[in-house]
């Protein structure tokens, strides 16, 4: 069909259709790891992750298909406060808060150093397909500032 007669989508495929926030592009390997088999068939190999904690959308694609949080293989940060903030090495928000309570950064620093190592597999193990280092540091300083 001639493209002159095809109407292009008016929606911005980079923004979550549920909450409107800017999504983060993820790779096929991330989707394969995080989505239940039935949900994996609902979305293509290229998708975006919605990182808004209170949004029910986990992944969405350019065809406006959405996979919701309840279709993930396990809970994911920041969608669940109980999920590890570092999926590769299991660092949780509770671990970071324990460091703050102890007046140190032992657990947090160790996780950040490991996340920078070759052992990290962030593109697969992290729901957003990215390293946790920035988010760990952001969470640490936010919580430390509120104490």
Protein backbone atom coordinates (compact mmCIF):
# COMPACT_ATOMS: atom_id res chain seq x y z
CA UNK A 1 0.00 0.00 0.00
CA UNK A 2 1.21 3.48 -0.80
CA UNK A 3 2.42 5.33 2.32
CA UNK A 4 0.57 8.44 1.21
CA UNK A 5 -2.68 6.72 2.18
CA UNK A 6 -1.52 5.27 5.51
CA UNK A 7 -2.24 7.33 8.56
CA UNK A 8 0.65 7.38 11.01
CA UNK A 9 0.02 6.84 14.68
CA UNK A 10 -0.51 10.03 16.66
CA UNK A 11 0.71 8.44 19.88
CA UNK A 12 4.30 8.74 21.00
CA UNK A 13 5.55 5.17 21.31
CA UNK A 14 8.16 6.23 23.86
CA UNK A 15 5.55 7.21 26.43
CA UNK A 16 3.57 4.78 28.57
CA UNK A 17 -0.03 4.50 27.35
CA UNK A 18 -1.21 4.16 30.98
CA UNK A 19 0.60 7.01 32.78
CA UNK A 20 2.29 8.99 30.00
CA UNK A 21 5.80 8.76 31.46
CA UNK A 22 8.81 8.32 29.22
CA UNK A 23 9.68 4.64 28.86
CA UNK A 24 13.10 3.02 28.80
CA UNK A 25 13.91 0.81 25.83
CA UNK A 26 14.73 -2.80 26.69
CA UNK A 27 16.23 -5.65 24.72
CA UNK A 28 14.68 -8.98 23.78
CA UNK A 29 16.75 -10.78 26.43
CA UNK A 30 15.24 -8.58 29.15
CA UNK A 31 11.71 -9.34 27.98
CA UNK A 32 12.48 -13.06 27.71
CA UNK A 33 13.70 -13.10 31.31
CA UNK A 34 10.99 -10.96 32.91
CA UNK A 35 7.78 -11.98 31.14
CA UNK A 36 5.68 -15.04 31.80
CA UNK A 37 5.39 -17.20 28.65
CA UNK A 38 1.80 -16.16 27.88
CA UNK A 39 2.70 -12.49 28.26
CA UNK A 40 5.87 -12.85 26.20
CA UNK A 41 3.77 -13.71 23.16
CA UNK A 42 1.75 -10.50 23.57
CA UNK A 43 4.62 -8.11 22.88
CA UNK A 44 7.35 -7.86 20.27
CA UNK A 45 11.12 -8.06 20.63
CA UNK A 46 11.41 -4.30 21.02
CA UNK A 47 9.62 -2.66 23.93
CA UNK A 48 9.79 0.04 26.57
CA UNK A 49 9.76 -0.32 30.36
CA UNK A 50 7.57 2.02 32.40
CA UNK A 51 9.57 2.93 35.51
CA UNK A 52 6.78 4.73 37.35
CA UNK A 53 6.24 2.86 40.63
CA UNK A 54 2.46 3.20 40.78
CA UNK A 55 1.70 2.48 37.12
CA UNK A 56 0.31 -0.98 36.30
CA UNK A 57 2.14 -1.09 32.95
CA UNK A 58 5.45 -2.94 32.99
CA UNK A 59 6.29 -3.04 29.26
CA UNK A 60 4.69 -1.51 26.17
CA UNK A 61 5.54 -1.39 22.48
CA UNK A 62 4.98 0.74 19.40
CA UNK A 63 1.75 -1.13 18.61
CA UNK A 64 0.26 0.06 21.92
CA UNK A 65 0.39 -3.44 23.36
CA UNK A 66 0.92 -3.44 27.11
CA UNK A 67 2.11 -6.09 29.52
CA UNK A 68 1.11 -5.36 33.10
CA UNK A 69 3.06 -5.85 36.31
CA UNK A 70 1.06 -8.94 37.27
CA UNK A 71 2.40 -10.69 34.14
CA UNK A 72 6.05 -10.50 35.25
CA UNK A 73 7.90 -13.62 36.37
CA UNK A 74 8.70 -11.95 39.71
CA UNK A 75 8.36 -8.60 41.42
CA UNK A 76 10.47 -5.81 39.96
CA UNK A 77 11.88 -2.59 41.38
CA UNK A 78 10.47 0.11 41.36
CA UNK A 79 7.09 -1.55 40.80
CA UNK A 80 7.42 -3.37 44.13
CA UNK A 81 9.17 -2.04 47.24
CA UNK A 82 10.03 -5.62 48.22
CA UNK A 83 11.91 -6.36 44.99
CA UNK A 84 15.70 -5.99 44.99
CA UNK A 85 16.87 -2.61 43.71
CA UNK A 86 19.87 -4.57 42.33
CA UNK A 87 18.53 -7.64 40.55
CA UNK A 88 21.99 -9.04 39.85
CA UNK A 89 23.21 -9.21 43.44
CA UNK A 90 20.05 -8.89 45.53
CA UNK A 91 20.60 -5.51 47.22
CA UNK A 92 17.26 -4.31 48.60
CA UNK A 93 16.01 -0.94 49.79
CA UNK A 94 16.00 -2.45 53.29
CA UNK A 95 19.75 -3.15 52.91
CA UNK A 96 20.39 0.47 51.97
CA UNK A 97 18.29 1.68 54.89
CA UNK A 98 20.21 -0.65 57.22
CA UNK A 99 23.46 0.95 56.01
CA UNK A 100 22.05 4.39 56.77
CA UNK A 101 20.91 3.25 60.24
CA UNK A 102 24.37 1.78 60.89
CA UNK A 103 26.02 5.02 59.78
CA UNK A 104 27.93 3.33 56.98
CA UNK A 105 27.72 2.21 53.38
CA UNK A 106 29.14 -1.31 53.54
CA UNK A 107 26.29 -3.17 51.76
CA UNK A 108 25.55 -0.33 49.38
CA UNK A 109 29.18 0.20 48.37
CA UNK A 110 29.76 -3.54 47.88
CA UNK A 111 26.70 -3.83 45.62
CA UNK A 112 27.70 -0.77 43.58
CA UNK A 113 31.20 -2.17 43.07
CA UNK A 114 29.82 -5.56 42.04
CA UNK A 115 27.33 -3.85 39.69
CA UNK A 116 30.28 -2.23 37.92
CA UNK A 117 32.02 -5.60 37.49
CA UNK A 118 31.89 -8.12 34.67
CA UNK A 119 29.68 -10.33 36.89
CA UNK A 120 26.74 -7.93 36.49
CA UNK A 121 24.14 -8.96 33.91
CA UNK A 122 21.95 -5.88 34.13
CA UNK A 123 20.56 -5.99 30.59
CA UNK A 124 18.91 -9.30 31.42
CA UNK A 125 18.38 -9.34 35.19
CA UNK A 126 17.19 -5.77 35.65
CA UNK A 127 13.57 -5.13 34.61
CA UNK A 128 14.57 -1.85 32.97
CA UNK A 129 17.62 -3.42 31.30
CA UNK A 130 20.04 -0.99 32.95
CA UNK A 131 22.60 -0.95 35.71
CA UNK A 132 21.24 -0.24 39.18
CA UNK A 133 24.14 2.03 40.18
CA UNK A 134 22.36 5.33 39.53
CA UNK A 135 19.15 4.17 41.20
CA UNK A 136 21.01 2.77 44.23
CA UNK A 137 22.86 6.05 44.69
CA UNK A 138 19.67 8.08 44.19
CA UNK A 139 17.79 5.99 46.76
CA UNK A 140 20.68 6.13 49.26
CA UNK A 141 21.00 9.93 49.15
CA UNK A 142 17.24 10.47 49.18
CA UNK A 143 16.83 8.29 52.29
CA UNK A 144 19.97 9.64 53.96
CA UNK A 145 18.66 13.19 53.47
CA UNK A 146 15.36 12.32 55.13
CA UNK A 147 17.01 10.95 58.29
